[in-house]
């Protein structure tokens, strides 16, 4: 899969995903699970919502 998440976007997703997961663990809430796909998209550089919408914040040239 082609990366479609750029540098700053990736950092924000990793921090936000980890924070949501951490809050879920701290609060003993299943809502922390929402942070998992956010964290994974930041770590892998691929966002399926971006792919569906045809959006890319990544500066890598796509062939």
N, C-alpha and C. Protein backbone atom coordinates (compact mmCIF):
# COMPACT_ATOMS: atom_id res chain seq x y z
N UNK A 1 0.84 -1.18 0.00
CA UNK A 1 0.00 0.00 0.00
C UNK A 1 0.89 1.24 0.00
N UNK A 2 0.45 2.23 -0.74
CA UNK A 2 1.18 3.49 -0.82
C UNK A 2 0.91 4.32 0.43
N UNK A 3 1.96 4.91 1.03
CA UNK A 3 1.73 5.78 2.18
C UNK A 3 0.96 7.03 1.75
N UNK A 4 0.02 7.45 2.58
CA UNK A 4 -0.75 8.65 2.28
C UNK A 4 -0.87 9.58 3.49
N UNK A 5 -0.06 9.34 4.52
CA UNK A 5 -0.06 10.17 5.72
C UNK A 5 1.33 10.78 5.86
N UNK A 6 1.41 12.11 5.87
CA UNK A 6 2.68 12.83 5.93
C UNK A 6 3.27 12.91 7.32
N UNK A 7 4.42 13.57 7.42
CA UNK A 7 5.21 13.62 8.64
C UNK A 7 4.52 14.17 9.87
N UNK A 8 4.05 15.42 9.80
CA UNK A 8 3.40 16.03 10.97
C UNK A 8 2.11 15.29 11.30
N UNK A 9 1.38 14.90 10.26
CA UNK A 9 0.14 14.15 10.45
C UNK A 9 0.41 12.83 11.19
N UNK A 10 1.50 12.17 10.84
CA UNK A 10 1.85 10.91 11.50
C UNK A 10 2.17 11.12 12.97
N UNK A 11 2.95 12.16 13.27
CA UNK A 11 3.31 12.44 14.66
C UNK A 11 2.06 12.73 15.49
N UNK A 12 1.16 13.55 14.94
CA UNK A 12 -0.08 13.88 15.65
C UNK A 12 -0.90 12.62 15.90
N UNK A 13 -0.99 11.75 14.90
CA UNK A 13 -1.76 10.51 15.05
C UNK A 13 -1.17 9.59 16.11
N UNK A 14 0.16 9.46 16.14
CA UNK A 14 0.80 8.60 17.13
C UNK A 14 0.56 9.13 18.54
N UNK A 15 0.77 10.44 18.72
CA UNK A 15 0.57 11.05 20.04
C UNK A 15 -0.89 10.96 20.46
N UNK A 16 -1.80 11.32 19.57
CA UNK A 16 -3.22 11.29 19.89
C UNK A 16 -3.71 9.86 20.15
N UNK A 17 -3.30 8.91 19.32
CA UNK A 17 -3.69 7.52 19.51
C UNK A 17 -3.20 6.96 20.83
N UNK A 18 -1.94 7.24 21.15
CA UNK A 18 -1.38 6.77 22.42
C UNK A 18 -2.10 7.42 23.61
N UNK A 19 -2.43 8.70 23.47
CA UNK A 19 -3.13 9.40 24.55
C UNK A 19 -4.52 8.82 24.77
N UNK A 20 -5.23 8.53 23.69
CA UNK A 20 -6.58 7.96 23.82
C UNK A 20 -6.51 6.56 24.44
N UNK A 21 -5.55 5.76 24.01
CA UNK A 21 -5.38 4.42 24.58
C UNK A 21 -5.02 4.53 26.06
N UNK A 22 -4.10 5.44 26.38
CA UNK A 22 -3.70 5.64 27.78
C UNK A 22 -4.86 6.08 28.64
N UNK A 23 -5.69 7.00 28.11
CA UNK A 23 -6.86 7.44 28.86
C UNK A 23 -7.83 6.27 29.07
N UNK A 24 -8.01 5.45 28.05
CA UNK A 24 -8.90 4.30 28.18
C UNK A 24 -8.43 3.32 29.24
N UNK A 25 -7.13 3.09 29.29
CA UNK A 25 -6.57 2.19 30.31
C UNK A 25 -6.73 2.82 31.69
N UNK A 26 -6.42 4.11 31.80
CA UNK A 26 -6.53 4.81 33.08
C UNK A 26 -7.97 4.83 33.59
N UNK A 27 -8.92 5.08 32.70
CA UNK A 27 -10.33 5.19 33.08
C UNK A 27 -11.05 3.84 33.08
N UNK A 28 -10.33 2.77 32.75
CA UNK A 28 -10.94 1.44 32.65
C UNK A 28 -12.15 1.48 31.72
N UNK A 29 -11.95 2.09 30.54
CA UNK A 29 -13.02 2.28 29.59
C UNK A 29 -12.65 1.64 28.25
N UNK A 30 -13.66 1.05 27.61
CA UNK A 30 -13.45 0.46 26.29
C UNK A 30 -13.31 1.53 25.22
N UNK A 31 -13.60 2.78 25.52
CA UNK A 31 -13.46 3.86 24.55
C UNK A 31 -12.00 4.06 24.14
N UNK A 32 -11.09 3.58 24.91
CA UNK A 32 -9.67 3.67 24.56
C UNK A 32 -9.33 2.89 23.31
N UNK A 33 -10.18 1.95 22.94
CA UNK A 33 -9.96 1.15 21.73
C UNK A 33 -10.00 2.03 20.48
N UNK A 34 -10.67 3.16 20.55
CA UNK A 34 -10.74 4.08 19.42
C UNK A 34 -9.34 4.57 19.04
N UNK A 35 -8.44 4.61 19.98
CA UNK A 35 -7.08 5.07 19.71
C UNK A 35 -6.24 4.10 18.91
N UNK A 36 -6.63 2.83 18.85
CA UNK A 36 -5.83 1.82 18.16
C UNK A 36 -5.70 2.11 16.65
N UNK A 37 -6.81 2.29 15.91
CA UNK A 37 -6.62 2.58 14.47
C UNK A 37 -5.92 3.92 14.22
N UNK A 38 -6.10 4.88 15.10
CA UNK A 38 -5.41 6.16 14.95
C UNK A 38 -3.91 5.95 15.11
N UNK A 39 -3.53 5.20 16.14
CA UNK A 39 -2.12 4.90 16.37
C UNK A 39 -1.53 4.09 15.22
N UNK A 40 -2.23 3.09 14.76
CA UNK A 40 -1.74 2.25 13.66
C UNK A 40 -1.57 3.04 12.37
N UNK A 41 -2.49 3.94 12.08
CA UNK A 41 -2.35 4.74 10.85
C UNK A 41 -1.15 5.66 10.95
N UNK A 42 -0.85 6.14 12.15
CA UNK A 42 0.34 6.96 12.33
C UNK A 42 1.62 6.16 12.21
N UNK A 43 1.62 4.94 12.71
CA UNK A 43 2.82 4.11 12.66
C UNK A 43 3.09 3.56 11.26
N UNK A 44 2.03 3.21 10.53
CA UNK A 44 2.21 2.62 9.20
C UNK A 44 2.25 3.66 8.09
N UNK A 45 1.65 4.84 8.32
CA UNK A 45 1.62 5.87 7.29
C UNK A 45 0.51 5.68 6.28
N UNK A 46 -0.43 4.78 6.57
CA UNK A 46 -1.55 4.51 5.67
C UNK A 46 -2.85 4.74 6.41
N UNK A 47 -3.71 5.58 5.84
CA UNK A 47 -5.03 5.84 6.41
C UNK A 47 -6.08 5.43 5.40
N UNK A 48 -6.95 4.49 5.78
CA UNK A 48 -7.96 3.99 4.86
C UNK A 48 -9.03 5.04 4.56
N UNK A 49 -9.32 5.91 5.50
CA UNK A 49 -10.28 6.99 5.25
C UNK A 49 -9.72 7.95 4.20
N UNK A 50 -8.44 8.26 4.30
CA UNK A 50 -7.79 9.10 3.29
C UNK A 50 -7.85 8.43 1.92
N UNK A 51 -7.61 7.12 1.91
CA UNK A 51 -7.63 6.39 0.65
C UNK A 51 -9.00 6.44 0.01
N UNK A 52 -10.05 6.28 0.80
CA UNK A 52 -11.42 6.34 0.27
C UNK A 52 -11.76 7.72 -0.26
N UNK A 53 -11.24 8.75 0.40
CA UNK A 53 -11.53 10.13 0.01
C UNK A 53 -10.56 10.67 -1.04
N UNK A 54 -9.50 9.93 -1.34
CA UNK A 54 -8.51 10.37 -2.31
C UNK A 54 -7.60 11.47 -1.81
N UNK A 55 -7.39 11.51 -0.50
CA UNK A 55 -6.58 12.54 0.13
C UNK A 55 -5.20 11.96 0.46
N UNK A 56 -4.17 12.80 0.37
CA UNK A 56 -2.84 12.39 0.78
C UNK A 56 -2.09 13.60 1.36
N UNK A 57 -1.49 13.41 2.53
CA UNK A 57 -0.66 14.45 3.12
C UNK A 57 0.81 14.07 3.03
N UNK A 58 1.08 12.96 2.35
CA UNK A 58 2.45 12.46 2.20
C UNK A 58 3.08 13.08 0.96
N UNK A 59 4.34 13.49 1.08
CA UNK A 59 5.02 14.13 -0.04
C UNK A 59 5.72 13.14 -0.96
N UNK A 60 5.58 11.82 -0.70
CA UNK A 60 6.19 10.80 -1.55
C UNK A 60 5.40 10.75 -2.85
N UNK A 61 6.11 10.75 -3.96
CA UNK A 61 5.44 10.67 -5.26
C UNK A 61 4.84 9.29 -5.45
N UNK A 62 3.56 9.28 -5.81
CA UNK A 62 2.87 8.01 -6.03
C UNK A 62 2.88 7.69 -7.51
N UNK A 63 3.16 6.44 -7.83
CA UNK A 63 3.22 6.05 -9.25
C UNK A 63 1.92 5.44 -9.72
